[in-house]
Amino acid sequence: MDILKKFRSSVSEATGIPAEIISDTPKLEITGRKMMCIENHKGIKSFTSTSVAVKTSSGIIYAEGQNITIKEINKEYILIKGLFASLRFEKLE
């Protein structure tokens, strides 16, 4: 872990402020199998009606399923809907 990440982690622990607010740590919130919100994303790597790959500072988040749509996207978060069958995380090297 580099010095900046250690500092952010220490600040988060000392203040009780969540790490995703202080740093670019991604936050993934899943509601059932039908909705997902990814905060602190770095953009979309790929997208079809059956899969989506979202870039984050920690790696790539892959979701597969049916009728996948991007309902909203901005600098802070991506809101994705569909019927999700699987999630996979790929760590950046």
N, C-alpha and C. Protein backbone atom coordinates (compact mmCIF):
# COMPACT_ATOMS: atom_id res chain seq x y z
N MET A 1 0.86 -1.19 0.00
CA MET A 1 0.00 0.00 0.00
C MET A 1 0.90 1.24 0.00
N ASP A 2 0.61 2.16 -0.88
CA ASP A 2 1.45 3.35 -0.94
C ASP A 2 1.11 4.32 0.20
N ILE A 3 1.92 5.33 0.36
CA ILE A 3 1.80 6.27 1.48
C ILE A 3 0.46 6.99 1.49
N LEU A 4 -0.01 7.41 0.30
CA LEU A 4 -1.29 8.12 0.23
C LEU A 4 -2.45 7.22 0.66
N LYS A 5 -2.44 5.97 0.23
CA LYS A 5 -3.51 5.04 0.63
C LYS A 5 -3.48 4.80 2.14
N LYS A 6 -2.28 4.67 2.72
CA LYS A 6 -2.16 4.48 4.16
C LYS A 6 -2.70 5.70 4.91
N PHE A 7 -2.37 6.89 4.39
CA PHE A 7 -2.84 8.12 5.02
C PHE A 7 -4.36 8.19 4.98
N ARG A 8 -4.95 7.92 3.81
CA ARG A 8 -6.40 7.96 3.67
C ARG A 8 -7.07 6.94 4.59
N SER A 9 -6.48 5.77 4.69
CA SER A 9 -7.02 4.74 5.57
C SER A 9 -6.97 5.19 7.03
N SER A 10 -5.86 5.80 7.42
CA SER A 10 -5.72 6.29 8.80
C SER A 10 -6.73 7.39 9.10
N VAL A 11 -6.91 8.31 8.15
CA VAL A 11 -7.88 9.39 8.33
C VAL A 11 -9.29 8.82 8.45
N SER A 12 -9.60 7.84 7.62
CA SER A 12 -10.92 7.21 7.65
C SER A 12 -11.18 6.56 9.00
N GLU A 13 -10.20 5.81 9.50
CA GLU A 13 -10.36 5.14 10.78
C GLU A 13 -10.45 6.14 11.94
N ALA A 14 -9.65 7.18 11.90
CA ALA A 14 -9.61 8.15 12.99
C ALA A 14 -10.88 9.01 13.06
N THR A 15 -11.44 9.33 11.89
CA THR A 15 -12.59 10.23 11.86
C THR A 15 -13.93 9.50 11.76
N GLY A 16 -13.88 8.23 11.37
CA GLY A 16 -15.13 7.49 11.17
C GLY A 16 -15.79 7.79 9.84
N ILE A 17 -15.12 8.57 9.00
CA ILE A 17 -15.65 8.88 7.67
C ILE A 17 -15.36 7.67 6.77
N PRO A 18 -16.36 7.19 6.05
CA PRO A 18 -16.15 6.02 5.18
C PRO A 18 -15.03 6.23 4.18
N ALA A 19 -14.27 5.17 3.92
CA ALA A 19 -13.12 5.23 3.02
C ALA A 19 -13.50 5.68 1.62
N GLU A 20 -14.69 5.30 1.14
CA GLU A 20 -15.07 5.66 -0.22
C GLU A 20 -15.30 7.16 -0.39
N ILE A 21 -15.52 7.87 0.71
CA ILE A 21 -15.68 9.32 0.64
C ILE A 21 -14.32 10.01 0.60
N ILE A 22 -13.38 9.52 1.36
CA ILE A 22 -12.06 10.13 1.44
C ILE A 22 -11.19 9.79 0.23
N SER A 23 -11.35 8.60 -0.29
CA SER A 23 -10.50 8.17 -1.41
C SER A 23 -11.36 7.78 -2.61
N ASP A 24 -10.73 7.18 -3.57
CA ASP A 24 -11.46 6.71 -4.74
C ASP A 24 -11.83 5.24 -4.63
N THR A 25 -11.93 4.74 -3.41
CA THR A 25 -12.33 3.36 -3.18
C THR A 25 -13.73 3.14 -3.72
N PRO A 26 -13.92 2.13 -4.57
CA PRO A 26 -15.26 1.92 -5.11
C PRO A 26 -16.22 1.39 -4.04
N LYS A 27 -17.48 1.76 -4.18
CA LYS A 27 -18.52 1.25 -3.30
C LYS A 27 -19.58 0.61 -4.19
N LEU A 28 -19.87 -0.65 -3.93
CA LEU A 28 -20.84 -1.39 -4.71
C LEU A 28 -22.04 -1.69 -3.82
N GLU A 29 -23.21 -1.25 -4.26
CA GLU A 29 -24.46 -1.50 -3.53
C GLU A 29 -25.39 -2.28 -4.45
N ILE A 30 -25.81 -3.45 -3.99
CA ILE A 30 -26.67 -4.31 -4.79
C ILE A 30 -28.02 -4.46 -4.09
N THR A 31 -29.09 -4.27 -4.85
CA THR A 31 -30.44 -4.42 -4.32
C THR A 31 -31.06 -5.64 -5.00
N GLY A 32 -31.17 -6.72 -4.22
CA GLY A 32 -31.69 -7.96 -4.78
C GLY A 32 -30.82 -8.42 -5.94
N ARG A 33 -31.45 -8.88 -7.00
CA ARG A 33 -30.74 -9.26 -8.22
C ARG A 33 -31.04 -8.29 -9.35
N LYS A 34 -31.72 -7.17 -9.03
CA LYS A 34 -32.24 -6.31 -10.09
C LYS A 34 -31.59 -4.94 -10.22
N MET A 35 -30.82 -4.51 -9.26
CA MET A 35 -30.24 -3.17 -9.35
C MET A 35 -28.87 -3.14 -8.67
N MET A 36 -27.97 -2.35 -9.26
CA MET A 36 -26.64 -2.19 -8.70
C MET A 36 -26.19 -0.75 -8.90
N CYS A 37 -25.57 -0.20 -7.87
CA CYS A 37 -25.02 1.15 -7.93
C CYS A 37 -23.53 1.05 -7.59
N ILE A 38 -22.70 1.57 -8.48
CA ILE A 38 -21.26 1.57 -8.26
C ILE A 38 -20.80 3.01 -8.15
N GLU A 39 -20.30 3.37 -6.96
CA GLU A 39 -19.77 4.71 -6.73
C GLU A 39 -18.26 4.71 -6.96
N ASN A 40 -17.73 5.86 -7.30
CA ASN A 40 -16.28 6.05 -7.53
C ASN A 40 -15.77 5.17 -8.67
N HIS A 41 -16.51 5.10 -9.75
CA HIS A 41 -16.10 4.31 -10.92
C HIS A 41 -15.12 5.12 -11.77
N LYS A 42 -14.50 4.42 -12.71
CA LYS A 42 -13.55 5.04 -13.64
C LYS A 42 -14.03 4.89 -15.09
N GLY A 43 -15.29 4.54 -15.28
CA GLY A 43 -15.85 4.40 -16.62
C GLY A 43 -16.27 2.99 -16.92
N ILE A 44 -16.82 2.81 -18.11
CA ILE A 44 -17.32 1.52 -18.55
C ILE A 44 -16.32 0.91 -19.53
N LYS A 45 -15.95 -0.33 -19.28
CA LYS A 45 -15.04 -1.05 -20.17
C LYS A 45 -15.82 -1.67 -21.32
N SER A 46 -16.97 -2.29 -21.00
CA SER A 46 -17.82 -2.88 -22.04
C SER A 46 -19.25 -2.96 -21.53
N PHE A 47 -20.18 -3.04 -22.51
CA PHE A 47 -21.60 -3.08 -22.14
C PHE A 47 -22.41 -3.74 -23.26
N THR A 48 -23.24 -4.71 -22.88
CA THR A 48 -24.24 -5.30 -23.77
C THR A 48 -25.50 -5.53 -22.93
N SER A 49 -26.54 -6.06 -23.54
CA SER A 49 -27.76 -6.33 -22.78
C SER A 49 -27.62 -7.52 -21.85
N THR A 50 -26.50 -8.27 -21.97
CA THR A 50 -26.28 -9.43 -21.09
C THR A 50 -25.05 -9.30 -20.19
N SER A 51 -24.27 -8.23 -20.36
CA SER A 51 -23.10 -8.06 -19.49
C SER A 51 -22.64 -6.61 -19.46
N VAL A 52 -21.98 -6.27 -18.36
CA VAL A 52 -21.40 -4.94 -18.22
C VAL A 52 -20.10 -5.10 -17.43
N ALA A 53 -19.09 -4.33 -17.83
CA ALA A 53 -17.81 -4.31 -17.12
C ALA A 53 -17.51 -2.86 -16.77
N VAL A 54 -17.32 -2.60 -15.47
CA VAL A 54 -17.11 -1.25 -14.97
C VAL A 54 -15.71 -1.15 -14.38
N LYS A 55 -14.95 -0.14 -14.83
CA LYS A 55 -13.60 0.07 -14.33
C LYS A 55 -13.65 0.82 -13.00
N THR A 56 -12.82 0.39 -12.05
CA THR A 56 -12.67 1.08 -10.77
C THR A 56 -11.18 1.16 -10.44
N SER A 57 -10.85 1.88 -9.39
CA SER A 57 -9.45 1.99 -8.98
C SER A 57 -8.91 0.66 -8.45
N SER A 58 -9.80 -0.25 -8.06
CA SER A 58 -9.40 -1.55 -7.53
C SER A 58 -9.36 -2.64 -8.59
N GLY A 59 -9.96 -2.38 -9.73
CA GLY A 59 -10.02 -3.38 -10.79
C GLY A 59 -11.30 -3.24 -11.59
N ILE A 60 -11.72 -4.34 -12.20
CA ILE A 60 -12.91 -4.36 -13.04
C ILE A 60 -14.01 -5.14 -12.32
N ILE A 61 -15.23 -4.60 -12.34
CA ILE A 61 -16.40 -5.31 -11.82
C ILE A 61 -17.20 -5.78 -13.03
N TYR A 62 -17.38 -7.09 -13.14
CA TYR A 62 -18.15 -7.68 -14.23
C TYR A 62 -19.49 -8.17 -13.70
N ALA A 63 -20.57 -7.86 -14.40
CA ALA A 63 -21.90 -8.37 -14.05
C ALA A 63 -22.50 -8.98 -15.30
N GLU A 64 -23.11 -10.15 -15.13
CA GLU A 64 -23.77 -10.82 -16.25
C GLU A 64 -25.20 -11.12 -15.87
N GLY A 65 -26.09 -11.14 -16.87
CA GLY A 65 -27.49 -11.42 -16.61
C GLY A 65 -28.33 -11.17 -17.85
N GLN A 66 -29.54 -10.69 -17.62
CA GLN A 66 -30.49 -10.44 -18.71
C GLN A 66 -31.00 -9.01 -18.63
N ASN A 67 -31.31 -8.46 -19.79
CA ASN A 67 -31.92 -7.12 -19.88
C ASN A 67 -31.15 -6.05 -19.11
N ILE A 68 -29.84 -6.10 -19.18
CA ILE A 68 -29.02 -5.13 -18.44
C ILE A 68 -29.08 -3.78 -19.15
N THR A 69 -29.36 -2.75 -18.36
CA THR A 69 -29.39 -1.38 -18.87
C THR A 69 -28.68 -0.46 -17.89
N ILE A 70 -28.12 0.60 -18.43
CA ILE A 70 -27.52 1.63 -17.59
C ILE A 70 -28.58 2.72 -17.44
N LYS A 71 -29.13 2.85 -16.25
CA LYS A 71 -30.20 3.81 -16.01
C LYS A 71 -29.68 5.22 -15.80
N GLU A 72 -28.49 5.32 -15.19
CA GLU A 72 -27.91 6.64 -14.94
C GLU A 72 -26.41 6.50 -14.79
N ILE A 73 -25.69 7.48 -15.32
CA ILE A 73 -24.24 7.50 -15.16
C ILE A 73 -23.79 8.94 -15.03
N ASN A 74 -22.93 9.19 -14.06
CA ASN A 74 -22.30 10.50 -13.90
C ASN A 74 -20.92 10.30 -13.29
N LYS A 75 -20.26 11.35 -12.91
CA LYS A 75 -18.90 11.25 -12.37
C LYS A 75 -18.84 10.49 -11.06
N GLU A 76 -19.92 10.52 -10.27
CA GLU A 76 -19.92 9.90 -8.96
C GLU A 76 -20.34 8.43 -8.97
N TYR A 77 -21.34 8.08 -9.79
CA TYR A 77 -21.85 6.71 -9.74
C TYR A 77 -22.46 6.26 -11.06
N ILE A 78 -22.64 4.93 -11.15
CA ILE A 78 -23.36 4.30 -12.26
C ILE A 78 -24.49 3.49 -11.65
N LEU A 79 -25.70 3.66 -12.16
CA LEU A 79 -26.86 2.88 -11.73
C LEU A 79 -27.20 1.91 -12.85
N ILE A 80 -27.13 0.61 -12.55
CA ILE A 80 -27.33 -0.44 -13.54
C ILE A 80 -28.52 -1.29 -13.11
N LYS A 81 -29.41 -1.59 -14.06
CA LYS A 81 -30.56 -2.44 -13.77
C LYS A 81 -30.55 -3.64 -14.70
N GLY A 82 -31.22 -4.70 -14.28
CA GLY A 82 -31.33 -5.93 -15.06
C GLY A 82 -31.62 -7.07 -14.12
N LEU A 83 -31.57 -8.28 -14.63
CA LEU A 83 -31.70 -9.47 -13.79
C LEU A 83 -30.32 -10.12 -13.74
N PHE A 84 -29.58 -9.87 -12.68
CA PHE A 84 -28.19 -10.30 -12.59
C PHE A 84 -28.09 -11.77 -12.21
N ALA A 85 -27.21 -12.48 -12.90
CA ALA A 85 -26.96 -13.89 -12.62
C ALA A 85 -25.61 -14.11 -11.95
N SER A 86 -24.65 -13.23 -12.24
CA SER A 86 -23.32 -13.40 -11.64
C SER A 86 -22.58 -12.07 -11.57
N LEU A 87 -21.68 -12.00 -10.59
CA LEU A 87 -20.76 -10.87 -10.42
C LEU A 87 -19.36 -11.44 -10.30
N ARG A 88 -18.41 -10.71 -10.89
CA ARG A 88 -17.02 -11.14 -10.82
C ARG A 88 -16.14 -9.91 -10.67
N PHE A 89 -15.08 -10.05 -9.91
CA PHE A 89 -14.14 -8.96 -9.69
C PHE A 89 -12.77 -9.36 -10.23
N GLU A 90 -12.16 -8.46 -10.98
CA GLU A 90 -10.82 -8.70 -11.51
C GLU A 90 -9.90 -7.62 -10.97
N LYS A 91 -8.93 -8.03 -10.18
CA LYS A 91 -8.01 -7.09 -9.55
C LYS A 91 -7.02 -6.56 -10.57
N LEU A 92 -6.71 -5.27 -10.47
CA LEU A 92 -5.68 -4.68 -11.32
C LEU A 92 -4.32 -5.15 -10.85
N GLU A 93 -3.46 -5.41 -11.78
CA GLU A 93 -2.10 -5.84 -11.45
C GLU A 93 -1.19 -4.67 -11.36
